[in-house]
Amino acid sequence: MAQKNVQKTVLVTGGAKRLGREIALALAKAGWRVAVHYRGSEGEALETSNACSVHTSGSMCFKADLNNEYEARGLIPAVIAAFGHLDAVVNNASTFEFDVVQDFSYEKLMQHMLGNVGAPILLAQGLHLHVKSRGAKGVVLNLLDQKLWNINPDFLSYSLSKAALQMASSMLAQSLAPDVRVCAIAPGLSFPSYLQDEAAFARTAKYSLTGEISHPEDIAKAAVFMLDTGSVSGATLLVDGGQHLTAMGRDVSFL
């Protein structure tokens, strides 16, 4: 990780709210300085950053549209300029829009592929160049989805993008070694989707083996573990209460 006696710095994409916020706060409590990325949620990003600052020596917000290659490439240099160095990237930001094969289009596919796959690869590339230049080690953590082990035809483009990110995680782990470890977490349902109300979300707990949702704090603890455990690379940890073993014909949002 970072050089001795230098506090570690992590970039969390989509860190303003929901699972990204939980991960950012858990890492701050674990002693990381946190760069909170956001696209449109400035107020929530500032709130998350302020909450992180209670637990660590520094947290700042960084705006970027990860579907825009210029802005995605500029994100890591901006974080390095602000903090002096960067040690880890958590690729949490994700586009999640509904489609199925009947209404599939190139536009819908690319909407998901650019931010969900292209941006994580660019950020891993940027982190690798940075840590190699300073003789340090780095780590990338990609957020996948238990859907990859529990396939159904819903959210076609999103699912394809997460499958591509899963493959990219393995390839990056090989390509960027030994300077950067690359690993992944595959959460289950931890927050209501935009297609659910709170009552529908509460009912989804029965679709896991534990009878509970994938608690955000558990996913965040897993993220801290993956970043802090130097022997883990090229591995994916499912944190879904066994949801991937409960075969479903539709996405859980529709059940």
C-alpha atoms as a PDB file:
ATOM      1  CA  MET A   1       0.000   0.000   0.000  1.00  0.00           C
ATOM      2  CA  ALA A   2       1.189   3.544   0.667  1.00  0.00           C
ATOM      3  CA  GLN A   3       4.676   4.256   1.924  1.00  0.00           C
ATOM      4  CA  LYS A   4       5.369   3.851   5.636  1.00  0.00           C
ATOM      5  CA  ASN A   5       3.954   6.571   7.919  1.00  0.00           C
ATOM      6  CA  VAL A   6       2.008   8.122   5.013  1.00  0.00           C
ATOM      7  CA  GLN A   7      -1.763   7.938   5.428  1.00  0.00           C
ATOM      8  CA  LYS A   8      -3.451   5.918   2.708  1.00  0.00           C
ATOM      9  CA  THR A   9      -5.789   7.646   0.254  1.00  0.00           C
ATOM     10  CA  VAL A  10      -8.695   6.026  -1.571  1.00  0.00           C
ATOM     11  CA  LEU A  11     -10.991   7.242  -4.339  1.00  0.00           C
ATOM     12  CA  VAL A  12     -14.576   5.970  -4.078  1.00  0.00           C
ATOM     13  CA  THR A  13     -16.574   6.537  -7.250  1.00  0.00           C
ATOM     14  CA  GLY A  14     -20.252   7.193  -6.727  1.00  0.00           C
ATOM     15  CA  GLY A  15     -19.385   7.846  -3.113  1.00  0.00           C
ATOM     16  CA  ALA A  16     -22.044  10.450  -2.420  1.00  0.00           C
ATOM     17  CA  LYS A  17     -24.905   8.172  -1.423  1.00  0.00           C
ATOM     18  CA  ARG A  18     -26.247   4.658  -0.914  1.00  0.00           C
ATOM     19  CA  LEU A  19     -23.606   1.935  -0.983  1.00  0.00           C
ATOM     20  CA  GLY A  20     -20.826   4.305  -2.057  1.00  0.00           C
ATOM     21  CA  ARG A  21     -21.430   6.425   1.031  1.00  0.00           C
ATOM     22  CA  GLU A  22     -21.339   3.359   3.292  1.00  0.00           C
ATOM     23  CA  ILE A  23     -18.032   2.252   1.781  1.00  0.00           C
ATOM     24  CA  ALA A  24     -16.536   5.740   2.017  1.00  0.00           C
ATOM     25  CA  LEU A  25     -17.484   6.049   5.700  1.00  0.00           C
ATOM     26  CA  ALA A  26     -16.177   2.576   6.558  1.00  0.00           C
ATOM     27  CA  LEU A  27     -12.844   3.341   4.911  1.00  0.00           C
ATOM     28  CA  ALA A  28     -12.613   6.695   6.714  1.00  0.00           C
ATOM     29  CA  LYS A  29     -13.220   4.925  10.019  1.00  0.00           C
ATOM     30  CA  ALA A  30     -10.472   2.455   9.068  1.00  0.00           C
ATOM     31  CA  GLY A  31      -8.009   5.344   8.673  1.00  0.00           C
ATOM     32  CA  TRP A  32      -8.142   6.069   4.955  1.00  0.00           C
ATOM     33  CA  ARG A  33      -8.319   9.566   3.529  1.00  0.00           C
ATOM     34  CA  VAL A  34     -11.313   9.503   1.183  1.00  0.00           C
ATOM     35  CA  ALA A  35     -11.837  11.202  -2.169  1.00  0.00           C
ATOM     36  CA  VAL A  36     -15.598  11.177  -2.746  1.00  0.00           C
ATOM     37  CA  HIS A  37     -16.490  11.139  -6.440  1.00  0.00           C
ATOM     38  CA  TYR A  38     -19.892  12.262  -7.679  1.00  0.00           C
ATOM     39  CA  ARG A  39     -21.538  13.248 -10.948  1.00  0.00           C
ATOM     40  CA  GLY A  40     -24.682  15.169 -10.022  1.00  0.00           C
ATOM     41  CA  SER A  41     -25.178  14.691  -6.282  1.00  0.00           C
ATOM     42  CA  GLU A  42     -23.027  17.563  -5.051  1.00  0.00           C
ATOM     43  CA  GLY A  43     -24.914  18.207  -1.833  1.00  0.00           C
ATOM     44  CA  GLU A  44     -24.879  14.554  -0.825  1.00  0.00           C
ATOM     45  CA  ALA A  45     -21.203  14.267  -1.770  1.00  0.00           C
ATOM     46  CA  LEU A  46     -20.338  17.198   0.495  1.00  0.00           C
ATOM     47  CA  GLU A  47     -22.353  15.637   3.305  1.00  0.00           C
ATOM     48  CA  THR A  48     -20.548  12.313   2.891  1.00  0.00           C
ATOM     49  CA  SER A  49     -17.164  14.018   2.716  1.00  0.00           C
ATOM     50  CA  ASN A  50     -17.880  15.968   5.896  1.00  0.00           C
ATOM     51  CA  ALA A  51     -18.950  12.767   7.646  1.00  0.00           C
ATOM     52  CA  CYS A  52     -15.716  11.079   6.524  1.00  0.00           C
ATOM     53  CA  SER A  53     -13.647  13.981   7.817  1.00  0.00           C
ATOM     54  CA  VAL A  54     -14.835  13.232  11.342  1.00  0.00           C
ATOM     55  CA  HIS A  55     -12.892   9.974  11.233  1.00  0.00           C
ATOM     56  CA  THR A  56      -9.862  10.785   9.077  1.00  0.00           C
ATOM     57  CA  SER A  57      -7.436  13.618   8.457  1.00  0.00           C
ATOM     58  CA  GLY A  58      -8.996  14.620   5.182  1.00  0.00           C
ATOM     59  CA  SER A  59     -11.802  14.073   2.689  1.00  0.00           C
ATOM     60  CA  MET A  60     -12.686  15.994  -0.467  1.00  0.00           C
ATOM     61  CA  CYS A  61     -15.255  15.827  -3.275  1.00  0.00           C
ATOM     62  CA  PHE A  62     -14.485  15.399  -6.974  1.00  0.00           C
ATOM     63  CA  LYS A  63     -16.990  15.811  -9.799  1.00  0.00           C
ATOM     64  CA  ALA A  64     -16.708  13.816 -13.032  1.00  0.00           C
ATOM     65  CA  ASP A  65     -18.975  12.246 -15.630  1.00  0.00           C
ATOM     66  CA  LEU A  66     -17.449   8.778 -15.954  1.00  0.00           C
ATOM     67  CA  ASN A  67     -19.161   8.236 -19.318  1.00  0.00           C
ATOM     68  CA  ASN A  68     -16.955  11.037 -20.647  1.00  0.00           C
ATOM     69  CA  GLU A  69     -13.427   9.742 -21.309  1.00  0.00           C
ATOM     70  CA  TYR A  70     -11.806  13.145 -20.823  1.00  0.00           C
ATOM     71  CA  GLU A  71     -13.416  13.609 -17.415  1.00  0.00           C
ATOM     72  CA  ALA A  72     -12.747  10.005 -16.387  1.00  0.00           C
ATOM     73  CA  ARG A  73      -9.046  10.323 -17.287  1.00  0.00           C
ATOM     74  CA  GLY A  74      -8.796  13.573 -15.346  1.00  0.00           C
ATOM     75  CA  LEU A  75     -10.207  12.208 -12.099  1.00  0.00           C
ATOM     76  CA  ILE A  76      -7.099  10.485 -10.714  1.00  0.00           C
ATOM     77  CA  PRO A  77      -4.736  13.389 -11.510  1.00  0.00           C
ATOM     78  CA  ALA A  78      -7.195  15.697  -9.718  1.00  0.00           C
ATOM     79  CA  VAL A  79      -7.207  13.482  -6.629  1.00  0.00           C
ATOM     80  CA  ILE A  80      -3.404  13.198  -6.642  1.00  0.00           C
ATOM     81  CA  ALA A  81      -3.050  16.969  -6.976  1.00  0.00           C
ATOM     82  CA  ALA A  82      -5.313  17.467  -3.953  1.00  0.00           C
ATOM     83  CA  PHE A  83      -3.980  14.722  -1.664  1.00  0.00           C
ATOM     84  CA  GLY A  84      -0.404  14.276  -2.880  1.00  0.00           C
ATOM     85  CA  HIS A  85      -0.812  10.566  -3.585  1.00  0.00           C
ATOM     86  CA  LEU A  86      -3.421   7.882  -4.186  1.00  0.00           C
ATOM     87  CA  ASP A  87      -3.300   4.255  -3.044  1.00  0.00           C
ATOM     88  CA  ALA A  88      -6.633   2.704  -3.976  1.00  0.00           C
ATOM     89  CA  VAL A  89      -9.713   3.044  -6.161  1.00  0.00           C
ATOM     90  CA  VAL A  90     -13.137   1.625  -5.365  1.00  0.00           C
ATOM     91  CA  ASN A  91     -15.171   1.455  -8.581  1.00  0.00           C
ATOM     92  CA  ASN A  92     -18.646   1.704  -7.098  1.00  0.00           C
ATOM     93  CA  ALA A  93     -20.378   4.142  -9.490  1.00  0.00           C
ATOM     94  CA  SER A  94     -22.727   2.343 -11.837  1.00  0.00           C
ATOM     95  CA  THR A  95     -25.433   2.983 -14.414  1.00  0.00           C
ATOM     96  CA  PHE A  96     -28.451   0.763 -13.734  1.00  0.00           C
ATOM     97  CA  GLU A  97     -31.284   1.155 -16.232  1.00  0.00           C
ATOM     98  CA  PHE A  98     -33.844  -1.419 -17.275  1.00  0.00           C
ATOM     99  CA  ASP A  99     -33.839  -3.111 -20.649  1.00  0.00           C
ATOM    100  CA  VAL A 100     -34.470  -6.566 -22.094  1.00  0.00           C
ATOM    101  CA  VAL A 101     -33.622  -8.038 -25.460  1.00  0.00           C
ATOM    102  CA  GLN A 102     -36.926  -6.834 -26.937  1.00  0.00           C
ATOM    103  CA  ASP A 103     -35.970  -3.159 -26.504  1.00  0.00           C
ATOM    104  CA  PHE A 104     -32.175  -3.537 -26.659  1.00  0.00           C
ATOM    105  CA  SER A 105     -30.225  -0.896 -28.573  1.00  0.00           C
ATOM    106  CA  TYR A 106     -26.601   0.097 -29.102  1.00  0.00           C
ATOM    107  CA  GLU A 107     -27.341   3.303 -27.218  1.00  0.00           C
ATOM    108  CA  LYS A 108     -28.550   1.449 -24.119  1.00  0.00           C
ATOM    109  CA  LEU A 109     -25.588  -0.910 -24.201  1.00  0.00           C
ATOM    110  CA  MET A 110     -23.026   1.884 -24.532  1.00  0.00           C
ATOM    111  CA  GLN A 111     -24.755   3.894 -21.789  1.00  0.00           C
ATOM    112  CA  HIS A 112     -23.800   1.062 -19.427  1.00  0.00           C
ATOM    113  CA  MET A 113     -20.482  -0.029 -20.901  1.00  0.00           C
ATOM    114  CA  LEU A 114     -18.738   3.344 -20.803  1.00  0.00           C
ATOM    115  CA  GLY A 115     -19.206   4.114 -17.129  1.00  0.00           C
ATOM    116  CA  ASN A 116     -19.514   0.576 -15.783  1.00  0.00           C
ATOM    117  CA  VAL A 117     -16.531  -0.928 -17.633  1.00  0.00           C
ATOM    118  CA  GLY A 118     -14.540   1.741 -19.467  1.00  0.00           C
ATOM    119  CA  ALA A 119     -14.161   4.064 -16.498  1.00  0.00           C
ATOM    120  CA  PRO A 120     -12.967   1.365 -14.054  1.00  0.00           C
ATOM    121  CA  ILE A 121     -10.322   0.301 -16.566  1.00  0.00           C
ATOM    122  CA  LEU A 122      -9.153   3.887 -17.085  1.00  0.00           C
ATOM    123  CA  LEU A 123      -9.006   4.504 -13.340  1.00  0.00           C
ATOM    124  CA  ALA A 124      -7.046   1.283 -12.791  1.00  0.00           C
ATOM    125  CA  GLN A 125      -4.669   2.359 -15.543  1.00  0.00           C
ATOM    126  CA  GLY A 126      -4.197   5.751 -13.936  1.00  0.00           C
ATOM    127  CA  LEU A 127      -3.615   4.319 -10.476  1.00  0.00           C
ATOM    128  CA  HIS A 128      -1.050   1.868 -11.854  1.00  0.00           C
ATOM    129  CA  LEU A 129       0.956   4.619 -13.544  1.00  0.00           C
ATOM    130  CA  HIS A 130       0.909   6.661 -10.336  1.00  0.00           C
ATOM    131  CA  VAL A 131       1.947   3.982  -7.837  1.00  0.00           C
ATOM    132  CA  LYS A 132       4.615   2.629 -10.185  1.00  0.00           C
ATOM    133  CA  SER A 133       6.116   6.109 -10.515  1.00  0.00           C
ATOM    134  CA  ARG A 134       6.448   6.413  -6.731  1.00  0.00           C
ATOM    135  CA  GLY A 135       7.590   2.853  -6.074  1.00  0.00           C
ATOM    136  CA  ALA A 136       4.429   2.040  -4.110  1.00  0.00           C
ATOM    137  CA  LYS A 137       1.659  -0.534  -4.234  1.00  0.00           C
ATOM    138  CA  GLY A 138      -1.990   0.035  -5.036  1.00  0.00           C
ATOM    139  CA  VAL A 139      -5.314  -1.771  -5.069  1.00  0.00           C
ATOM    140  CA  VAL A 140      -8.472  -1.565  -7.169  1.00  0.00           C
ATOM    141  CA  LEU A 141     -11.811  -2.880  -5.915  1.00  0.00           C
ATOM    142  CA  ASN A 142     -14.609  -3.343  -8.465  1.00  0.00           C
ATOM    143  CA  LEU A 143     -18.266  -3.657  -7.467  1.00  0.00           C
ATOM    144  CA  LEU A 144     -20.007  -6.431  -9.401  1.00  0.00           C
ATOM    145  CA  ASP A 145     -23.458  -7.969  -8.754  1.00  0.00           C
ATOM    146  CA  GLN A 146     -24.736 -11.342  -7.553  1.00  0.00           C
ATOM    147  CA  LYS A 147     -26.826 -11.344 -10.762  1.00  0.00           C
ATOM    148  CA  LEU A 148     -23.776 -12.715 -12.560  1.00  0.00           C
ATOM    149  CA  TRP A 149     -24.244 -15.978 -10.608  1.00  0.00           C
ATOM    150  CA  ASN A 150     -28.054 -15.824 -10.697  1.00  0.00           C
ATOM    151  CA  ILE A 151     -28.891 -15.041 -14.296  1.00  0.00           C
ATOM    152  CA  ASN A 152     -32.240 -13.784 -15.531  1.00  0.00           C
ATOM    153  CA  PRO A 153     -33.104 -11.821 -18.698  1.00  0.00           C
ATOM    154  CA  ASP A 154     -33.855  -8.505 -16.982  1.00  0.00           C
ATOM    155  CA  PHE A 155     -31.479  -5.509 -17.087  1.00  0.00           C
ATOM    156  CA  LEU A 156     -29.701  -6.932 -20.130  1.00  0.00           C
ATOM    157  CA  SER A 157     -27.236  -4.109 -20.804  1.00  0.00           C
ATOM    158  CA  TYR A 158     -26.439  -3.611 -17.119  1.00  0.00           C
ATOM    159  CA  SER A 159     -25.800  -7.334 -16.649  1.00  0.00           C
ATOM    160  CA  LEU A 160     -23.581  -7.468 -19.735  1.00  0.00           C
ATOM    161  CA  SER A 161     -21.550  -4.540 -18.404  1.00  0.00           C
ATOM    162  CA  LYS A 162     -21.038  -6.232 -15.031  1.00  0.00           C
ATOM    163  CA  ALA A 163     -20.017  -9.462 -16.756  1.00  0.00           C
ATOM    164  CA  ALA A 164     -17.465  -7.470 -18.750  1.00  0.00           C
ATOM    165  CA  LEU A 165     -16.218  -5.830 -15.556  1.00  0.00           C
ATOM    166  CA  GLN A 166     -15.821  -9.250 -13.965  1.00  0.00           C
ATOM    167  CA  MET A 167     -13.599 -10.345 -16.851  1.00  0.00           C
ATOM    168  CA  ALA A 168     -11.742  -7.032 -16.776  1.00  0.00           C
ATOM    169  CA  SER A 169     -11.043  -7.513 -13.062  1.00  0.00           C
ATOM    170  CA  SER A 170      -9.232 -10.786 -13.761  1.00  0.00           C
ATOM    171  CA  MET A 171      -7.327  -9.368 -16.712  1.00  0.00           C
ATOM    172  CA  LEU A 172      -6.328  -6.234 -14.804  1.00  0.00           C
ATOM    173  CA  ALA A 173      -5.142  -8.319 -11.859  1.00  0.00           C
ATOM    174  CA  GLN A 174      -2.761 -10.077 -14.256  1.00  0.00           C
ATOM    175  CA  SER A 175      -1.758  -7.010 -16.258  1.00  0.00           C
ATOM    176  CA  LEU A 176      -1.078  -4.633 -13.363  1.00  0.00           C
ATOM    177  CA  ALA A 177       0.715  -7.088 -11.050  1.00  0.00           C
ATOM    178  CA  PRO A 178       2.762  -6.768  -8.944  1.00  0.00           C
ATOM    179  CA  ASP A 179       2.181  -3.035  -8.534  1.00  0.00           C
ATOM    180  CA  VAL A 180      -1.619  -3.087  -8.234  1.00  0.00           C
ATOM    181  CA  ARG A 181      -3.910  -5.733  -6.777  1.00  0.00           C
ATOM    182  CA  VAL A 182      -7.347  -5.975  -8.394  1.00  0.00           C
ATOM    183  CA  CYS A 183     -10.282  -7.662  -6.687  1.00  0.00           C
ATOM    184  CA  ALA A 184     -14.065  -7.454  -6.601  1.00  0.00           C
ATOM    185  CA  ILE A 185     -17.155  -7.664  -4.414  1.00  0.00           C
ATOM    186  CA  ALA A 186     -20.526  -8.894  -5.678  1.00  0.00           C
ATOM    187  CA  PRO A 187     -23.299  -7.518  -3.442  1.00  0.00           C
ATOM    188  CA  GLY A 188     -26.884  -8.608  -3.313  1.00  0.00           C
ATOM    189  CA  LEU A 189     -29.830  -6.260  -2.944  1.00  0.00           C
ATOM    190  CA  SER A 190     -28.932  -3.735  -0.246  1.00  0.00           C
ATOM    191  CA  PHE A 191     -31.064  -0.688  -1.123  1.00  0.00           C
ATOM    192  CA  PRO A 192     -34.400  -0.334  -2.936  1.00  0.00           C
ATOM    193  CA  SER A 193     -34.030  -0.135  -6.696  1.00  0.00           C
ATOM    194  CA  TYR A 194     -35.706   2.722  -8.525  1.00  0.00           C
ATOM    195  CA  LEU A 195     -38.471   0.239  -9.413  1.00  0.00           C
ATOM    196  CA  GLN A 196     -39.323  -0.577  -5.780  1.00  0.00           C
ATOM    197  CA  ASP A 197     -41.006   1.113  -2.868  1.00  0.00           C
ATOM    198  CA  GLU A 198     -39.924   0.377   0.700  1.00  0.00           C
ATOM    199  CA  ALA A 199     -42.576  -2.316   1.210  1.00  0.00           C
ATOM    200  CA  ALA A 200     -41.530  -4.179  -1.930  1.00  0.00           C
ATOM    201  CA  PHE A 201     -37.892  -3.893  -0.927  1.00  0.00           C
ATOM    202  CA  ALA A 202     -38.613  -5.343   2.522  1.00  0.00           C
ATOM    203  CA  ARG A 203     -40.241  -8.380   0.914  1.00  0.00           C
ATOM    204  CA  THR A 204     -37.106  -9.161  -1.112  1.00  0.00           C
ATOM    205  CA  ALA A 205     -35.316 -10.386   2.026  1.00  0.00           C
ATOM    206  CA  LYS A 206     -36.917 -13.803   1.507  1.00  0.00           C
ATOM    207  CA  TYR A 207     -34.902 -14.221  -1.698  1.00  0.00           C
ATOM    208  CA  SER A 208     -31.661 -14.748   0.227  1.00  0.00           C
ATOM    209  CA  LEU A 209     -30.611 -17.807   2.177  1.00  0.00           C
ATOM    210  CA  THR A 210     -30.180 -15.764   5.347  1.00  0.00           C
ATOM    211  CA  GLY A 211     -33.667 -14.288   5.121  1.00  0.00           C
ATOM    212  CA  GLU A 212     -32.154 -10.794   5.229  1.00  0.00           C
ATOM    213  CA  ILE A 213     -31.071  -8.140   2.766  1.00  0.00           C
ATOM    214  CA  SER A 214     -27.398  -7.661   1.941  1.00  0.00           C
ATOM    215  CA  HIS A 215     -26.679  -5.221   4.740  1.00  0.00           C
ATOM    216  CA  PRO A 216     -24.747  -2.192   3.418  1.00  0.00           C
ATOM    217  CA  GLU A 217     -22.489  -2.168   6.477  1.00  0.00           C
ATOM    218  CA  ASP A 218     -21.462  -5.767   5.728  1.00  0.00           C
ATOM    219  CA  ILE A 219     -20.583  -4.871   2.144  1.00  0.00           C
ATOM    220  CA  ALA A 220     -18.611  -1.876   3.399  1.00  0.00           C
ATOM    221  CA  LYS A 221     -16.718  -4.057   5.897  1.00  0.00           C
ATOM    222  CA  ALA A 222     -15.896  -6.441   3.049  1.00  0.00           C
ATOM    223  CA  ALA A 223     -14.526  -3.514   1.043  1.00  0.00           C
ATOM    224  CA  VAL A 224     -12.218  -2.542   3.908  1.00  0.00           C
ATOM    225  CA  PHE A 225     -11.053  -6.160   4.160  1.00  0.00           C
ATOM    226  CA  MET A 226     -10.297  -6.417   0.447  1.00  0.00           C
ATOM    227  CA  LEU A 227      -8.322  -3.164   0.406  1.00  0.00           C
ATOM    228  CA  ASP A 228      -6.347  -3.979   3.544  1.00  0.00           C
ATOM    229  CA  THR A 229      -5.539  -7.636   2.803  1.00  0.00           C
ATOM    230  CA  GLY A 230      -2.433  -7.764   0.660  1.00  0.00           C
ATOM    231  CA  SER A 231      -2.719 -11.441  -0.245  1.00  0.00           C
ATOM    232  CA  VAL A 232      -6.008 -10.995  -2.124  1.00  0.00           C
ATOM    233  CA  SER A 233      -5.898 -10.341  -5.862  1.00  0.00           C
ATOM    234  CA  GLY A 234      -7.948 -11.595  -8.767  1.00  0.00           C
ATOM    235  CA  ALA A 235     -10.695 -12.775  -6.385  1.00  0.00           C
ATOM    236  CA  THR A 236     -14.386 -11.931  -6.033  1.00  0.00           C
ATOM    237  CA  LEU A 237     -16.215 -12.023  -2.701  1.00  0.00           C
ATOM    238  CA  LEU A 238     -20.005 -12.452  -2.837  1.00  0.00           C
ATOM    239  CA  VAL A 239     -21.679 -10.520  -0.030  1.00  0.00           C
ATOM    240  CA  ASP A 240     -25.302 -11.314  -0.750  1.00  0.00           C
ATOM    241  CA  GLY A 241     -26.652 -13.575   1.979  1.00  0.00           C
ATOM    242  CA  GLY A 242     -26.571 -16.461  -0.482  1.00  0.00           C
ATOM    243  CA  GLN A 243     -28.936 -14.704  -2.890  1.00  0.00           C
ATOM    244  CA  HIS A 244     -26.928 -16.017  -5.853  1.00  0.00           C
ATOM    245  CA  LEU A 245     -28.059 -19.555  -4.943  1.00  0.00           C
ATOM    246  CA  THR A 246     -31.788 -18.740  -5.099  1.00  0.00           C
ATOM    247  CA  ALA A 247     -32.659 -19.098  -8.770  1.00  0.00           C
ATOM    248  CA  MET A 248     -35.138 -16.464  -9.981  1.00  0.00           C
ATOM    249  CA  GLY A 249     -36.818 -16.096 -13.348  1.00  0.00           C
ATOM    250  CA  ARG A 250     -37.000 -12.319 -13.050  1.00  0.00           C
ATOM    251  CA  ASP A 251     -34.926  -9.642 -11.384  1.00  0.00           C
ATOM    252  CA  VAL A 252     -35.742  -9.337  -7.698  1.00  0.00           C
ATOM    253  CA  SER A 253     -37.214  -5.878  -8.372  1.00  0.00           C
ATOM    254  CA  PHE A 254     -40.167  -7.578 -10.074  1.00  0.00           C
ATOM    255  CA  LEU A 255     -40.797 -10.351  -7.550  1.00  0.00           C
END
